[in-house]
Amino acid sequence: MTAEQKENLRLQALKAIGAAKGYAVTLSQILPGLAHPLRTQPTEDIEAELLYLKDKGFVESEKKEIGTVKRWRITAAGRDYLAEEGME
């Protein structure tokens, strides 16, 4: 992916996670919020950008005690970023 595609993916993923209003969502629930060209990227590439957002403090991940499905939830920093950028 190009740097521009990565940035677009991060922003769209952050908006999709933010749309869950604080609830944790799975990758399969995030994908519909991505533009078609981005949602067809390999899962590993999308997860790498979600980890980038986590490292920046915009999202956090959690796993249920039973199962292996990772869920993503927006943080206060992520909500603030979207609000500052007029994307909320």
N, C-alpha and C. Protein backbone atom coordinates (compact mmCIF):
# COMPACT_ATOMS: atom_id res chain seq x y z
N MET A 1 0.84 -1.18 0.00
CA MET A 1 0.00 0.00 0.00
C MET A 1 0.89 1.24 0.00
N THR A 2 0.39 2.27 -0.64
CA THR A 2 1.10 3.53 -0.62
C THR A 2 0.86 4.24 0.71
N ALA A 3 1.63 5.25 0.99
CA ALA A 3 1.44 6.03 2.23
C ALA A 3 0.05 6.66 2.26
N GLU A 4 -0.42 7.12 1.12
CA GLU A 4 -1.76 7.72 1.05
C GLU A 4 -2.85 6.69 1.33
N GLN A 5 -2.69 5.49 0.78
CA GLN A 5 -3.67 4.43 1.04
C GLN A 5 -3.68 4.04 2.51
N LYS A 6 -2.51 3.97 3.12
CA LYS A 6 -2.43 3.65 4.54
C LYS A 6 -3.13 4.72 5.38
N GLU A 7 -2.89 5.98 5.05
CA GLU A 7 -3.53 7.06 5.78
C GLU A 7 -5.04 7.01 5.63
N ASN A 8 -5.52 6.77 4.40
CA ASN A 8 -6.96 6.66 4.17
C ASN A 8 -7.55 5.47 4.93
N LEU A 9 -6.84 4.37 4.93
CA LEU A 9 -7.31 3.19 5.65
C LEU A 9 -7.41 3.48 7.14
N ARG A 10 -6.40 4.13 7.70
CA ARG A 10 -6.42 4.46 9.13
C ARG A 10 -7.60 5.36 9.47
N LEU A 11 -7.82 6.40 8.67
CA LEU A 11 -8.91 7.33 8.94
C LEU A 11 -10.27 6.64 8.81
N GLN A 12 -10.45 5.86 7.76
CA GLN A 12 -11.73 5.18 7.57
C GLN A 12 -11.97 4.14 8.66
N ALA A 13 -10.93 3.43 9.05
CA ALA A 13 -11.08 2.44 10.12
C ALA A 13 -11.42 3.12 11.44
N LEU A 14 -10.75 4.24 11.72
CA LEU A 14 -11.03 4.98 12.95
C LEU A 14 -12.47 5.47 12.97
N LYS A 15 -12.95 5.97 11.84
CA LYS A 15 -14.34 6.41 11.76
C LYS A 15 -15.30 5.24 11.95
N ALA A 16 -14.98 4.09 11.34
CA ALA A 16 -15.85 2.92 11.46
C ALA A 16 -15.90 2.42 12.90
N ILE A 17 -14.75 2.42 13.57
CA ILE A 17 -14.71 1.98 14.97
C ILE A 17 -15.45 3.00 15.83
N GLY A 18 -15.26 4.28 15.55
CA GLY A 18 -15.94 5.33 16.30
C GLY A 18 -17.45 5.29 16.15
N ALA A 19 -17.91 4.82 15.01
CA ALA A 19 -19.36 4.73 14.76
C ALA A 19 -20.04 3.73 15.69
N ALA A 20 -19.26 2.86 16.30
CA ALA A 20 -19.82 1.87 17.23
C ALA A 20 -20.13 2.49 18.59
N LYS A 21 -19.83 3.77 18.74
CA LYS A 21 -20.18 4.53 19.96
C LYS A 21 -19.64 3.88 21.24
N GLY A 22 -18.37 3.49 21.20
CA GLY A 22 -17.73 2.96 22.40
C GLY A 22 -17.78 1.45 22.55
N TYR A 23 -18.57 0.79 21.72
CA TYR A 23 -18.60 -0.67 21.76
C TYR A 23 -17.43 -1.22 20.97
N ALA A 24 -16.93 -2.36 21.38
CA ALA A 24 -15.83 -3.00 20.67
C ALA A 24 -16.36 -3.75 19.45
N VAL A 25 -15.67 -3.62 18.33
CA VAL A 25 -16.10 -4.25 17.09
C VAL A 25 -14.98 -5.12 16.52
N THR A 26 -15.38 -6.11 15.76
CA THR A 26 -14.43 -7.02 15.13
C THR A 26 -13.99 -6.46 13.77
N LEU A 27 -12.96 -7.06 13.22
CA LEU A 27 -12.50 -6.65 11.90
C LEU A 27 -13.61 -6.79 10.87
N SER A 28 -14.40 -7.86 10.95
CA SER A 28 -15.48 -8.04 9.98
C SER A 28 -16.55 -6.96 10.11
N GLN A 29 -16.67 -6.34 11.27
CA GLN A 29 -17.61 -5.24 11.45
C GLN A 29 -17.01 -3.91 11.00
N ILE A 30 -15.69 -3.83 10.94
CA ILE A 30 -15.01 -2.62 10.48
C ILE A 30 -15.00 -2.55 8.95
N LEU A 31 -14.83 -3.69 8.30
CA LEU A 31 -14.66 -3.73 6.84
C LEU A 31 -15.73 -2.98 6.05
N PRO A 32 -17.01 -3.09 6.38
CA PRO A 32 -18.01 -2.36 5.59
C PRO A 32 -17.82 -0.83 5.65
N GLY A 33 -17.13 -0.33 6.65
CA GLY A 33 -16.89 1.10 6.76
C GLY A 33 -15.72 1.59 5.93
N LEU A 34 -15.04 0.66 5.26
CA LEU A 34 -13.90 1.03 4.41
C LEU A 34 -14.33 1.11 2.96
N ALA A 35 -13.71 2.02 2.22
CA ALA A 35 -13.98 2.12 0.79
C ALA A 35 -13.58 0.80 0.13
N HIS A 36 -14.27 0.44 -0.94
CA HIS A 36 -14.06 -0.86 -1.59
C HIS A 36 -12.58 -1.19 -1.85
N PRO A 37 -11.81 -0.30 -2.45
CA PRO A 37 -10.41 -0.69 -2.72
C PRO A 37 -9.63 -1.02 -1.44
N LEU A 38 -9.98 -0.37 -0.35
CA LEU A 38 -9.25 -0.61 0.90
C LEU A 38 -9.73 -1.88 1.58
N ARG A 39 -11.00 -2.18 1.50
CA ARG A 39 -11.51 -3.37 2.19
C ARG A 39 -11.05 -4.65 1.52
N THR A 40 -10.51 -4.55 0.30
CA THR A 40 -10.01 -5.74 -0.38
C THR A 40 -8.52 -5.97 -0.13
N GLN A 41 -7.91 -5.12 0.69
CA GLN A 41 -6.51 -5.32 1.05
C GLN A 41 -6.38 -6.60 1.89
N PRO A 42 -5.21 -7.22 1.88
CA PRO A 42 -5.02 -8.40 2.73
C PRO A 42 -5.30 -8.08 4.20
N THR A 43 -5.90 -9.03 4.89
CA THR A 43 -6.24 -8.86 6.30
C THR A 43 -5.04 -8.41 7.11
N GLU A 44 -3.88 -8.98 6.81
CA GLU A 44 -2.66 -8.63 7.56
C GLU A 44 -2.33 -7.15 7.43
N ASP A 45 -2.56 -6.57 6.24
CA ASP A 45 -2.29 -5.15 6.03
C ASP A 45 -3.26 -4.29 6.83
N ILE A 46 -4.51 -4.68 6.85
CA ILE A 46 -5.52 -3.92 7.61
C ILE A 46 -5.22 -4.02 9.10
N GLU A 47 -4.90 -5.20 9.58
CA GLU A 47 -4.57 -5.38 10.99
C GLU A 47 -3.32 -4.58 11.37
N ALA A 48 -2.36 -4.49 10.46
CA ALA A 48 -1.16 -3.70 10.74
C ALA A 48 -1.51 -2.23 10.96
N GLU A 49 -2.46 -1.72 10.18
CA GLU A 49 -2.86 -0.32 10.35
C GLU A 49 -3.68 -0.14 11.62
N LEU A 50 -4.45 -1.14 12.01
CA LEU A 50 -5.16 -1.07 13.29
C LEU A 50 -4.17 -1.06 14.45
N LEU A 51 -3.10 -1.83 14.34
CA LEU A 51 -2.06 -1.80 15.37
C LEU A 51 -1.37 -0.44 15.41
N TYR A 52 -1.20 0.19 14.26
CA TYR A 52 -0.65 1.54 14.22
C TYR A 52 -1.54 2.50 15.01
N LEU A 53 -2.86 2.41 14.77
CA LEU A 53 -3.80 3.25 15.52
C LEU A 53 -3.75 2.95 17.01
N LYS A 54 -3.55 1.69 17.35
CA LYS A 54 -3.41 1.31 18.76
C LYS A 54 -2.15 1.93 19.36
N ASP A 55 -1.05 1.84 18.63
CA ASP A 55 0.21 2.42 19.11
C ASP A 55 0.11 3.93 19.30
N LYS A 56 -0.70 4.58 18.48
CA LYS A 56 -0.92 6.02 18.60
C LYS A 56 -1.88 6.37 19.73
N GLY A 57 -2.56 5.35 20.29
CA GLY A 57 -3.50 5.58 21.37
C GLY A 57 -4.90 5.94 20.93
N PHE A 58 -5.21 5.76 19.63
CA PHE A 58 -6.52 6.11 19.10
C PHE A 58 -7.54 4.98 19.25
N VAL A 59 -7.06 3.75 19.32
CA VAL A 59 -7.94 2.60 19.55
C VAL A 59 -7.26 1.68 20.55
N GLU A 60 -8.07 0.79 21.10
CA GLU A 60 -7.50 -0.26 21.94
C GLU A 60 -8.12 -1.58 21.52
N SER A 61 -7.39 -2.65 21.76
CA SER A 61 -7.89 -3.96 21.37
C SER A 61 -8.16 -4.77 22.62
N GLU A 62 -9.09 -5.69 22.47
CA GLU A 62 -9.41 -6.58 23.58
C GLU A 62 -9.79 -7.93 23.02
N LYS A 63 -9.53 -8.95 23.81
CA LYS A 63 -9.94 -10.30 23.45
C LYS A 63 -10.83 -10.82 24.56
N LYS A 64 -11.85 -11.52 24.17
CA LYS A 64 -12.70 -12.16 25.17
C LYS A 64 -11.90 -13.30 25.78
N GLU A 65 -12.24 -13.67 26.99
CA GLU A 65 -11.52 -14.76 27.64
C GLU A 65 -11.73 -16.08 26.90
N ILE A 66 -12.87 -16.23 26.28
CA ILE A 66 -13.12 -17.42 25.48
C ILE A 66 -13.11 -16.98 24.02
N GLY A 67 -12.29 -17.60 23.23
CA GLY A 67 -12.22 -17.25 21.82
C GLY A 67 -10.97 -16.47 21.49
N THR A 68 -10.78 -16.25 20.21
CA THR A 68 -9.57 -15.58 19.73
C THR A 68 -9.86 -14.34 18.89
N VAL A 69 -11.12 -13.97 18.77
CA VAL A 69 -11.48 -12.83 17.94
C VAL A 69 -11.12 -11.54 18.66
N LYS A 70 -10.28 -10.75 18.02
CA LYS A 70 -9.88 -9.46 18.59
C LYS A 70 -10.96 -8.44 18.28
N ARG A 71 -11.24 -7.60 19.24
CA ARG A 71 -12.22 -6.52 19.06
C ARG A 71 -11.51 -5.20 19.28
N TRP A 72 -11.98 -4.19 18.57
CA TRP A 72 -11.36 -2.87 18.60
C TRP A 72 -12.36 -1.86 19.13
N ARG A 73 -11.88 -0.94 19.96
CA ARG A 73 -12.72 0.10 20.54
C ARG A 73 -11.97 1.43 20.45
N ILE A 74 -12.68 2.49 20.10
CA ILE A 74 -12.06 3.81 20.01
C ILE A 74 -11.78 4.34 21.42
N THR A 75 -10.71 5.09 21.56
CA THR A 75 -10.36 5.70 22.84
C THR A 75 -10.78 7.17 22.82
N ALA A 76 -10.62 7.83 23.95
CA ALA A 76 -10.92 9.26 24.02
C ALA A 76 -10.02 10.03 23.05
N ALA A 77 -8.76 9.62 22.95
CA ALA A 77 -7.84 10.29 22.01
C ALA A 77 -8.32 10.13 20.58
N GLY A 78 -8.84 8.97 20.24
CA GLY A 78 -9.37 8.74 18.90
C GLY A 78 -10.60 9.58 18.62
N ARG A 79 -11.50 9.66 19.60
CA ARG A 79 -12.70 10.51 19.43
C ARG A 79 -12.30 11.97 19.29
N ASP A 80 -11.34 12.41 20.11
CA ASP A 80 -10.88 13.79 20.03
C ASP A 80 -10.28 14.09 18.66
N TYR A 81 -9.49 13.16 18.14
CA TYR A 81 -8.88 13.35 16.83
C TYR A 81 -9.94 13.52 15.75
N LEU A 82 -10.93 12.62 15.76
CA LEU A 82 -12.00 12.73 14.76
C LEU A 82 -12.75 14.05 14.89
N ALA A 83 -12.99 14.49 16.12
CA ALA A 83 -13.70 15.76 16.32
C ALA A 83 -12.86 16.94 15.82
N GLU A 84 -11.56 16.92 16.12
CA GLU A 84 -10.68 18.00 15.66
C GLU A 84 -10.60 18.08 14.15
N GLU A 85 -10.69 16.92 13.50
CA GLU A 85 -10.61 16.87 12.04
C GLU A 85 -11.98 17.05 11.38
N GLY A 86 -13.04 17.22 12.20
CA GLY A 86 -14.39 17.40 11.66
C GLY A 86 -14.95 16.13 11.04
N MET A 87 -14.52 14.98 11.53
CA MET A 87 -14.93 13.69 10.96
C MET A 87 -15.88 12.91 11.85
N GLU A 88 -16.29 13.49 12.94
CA GLU A 88 -17.13 12.76 13.87
C GLU A 88 -18.58 12.88 13.51
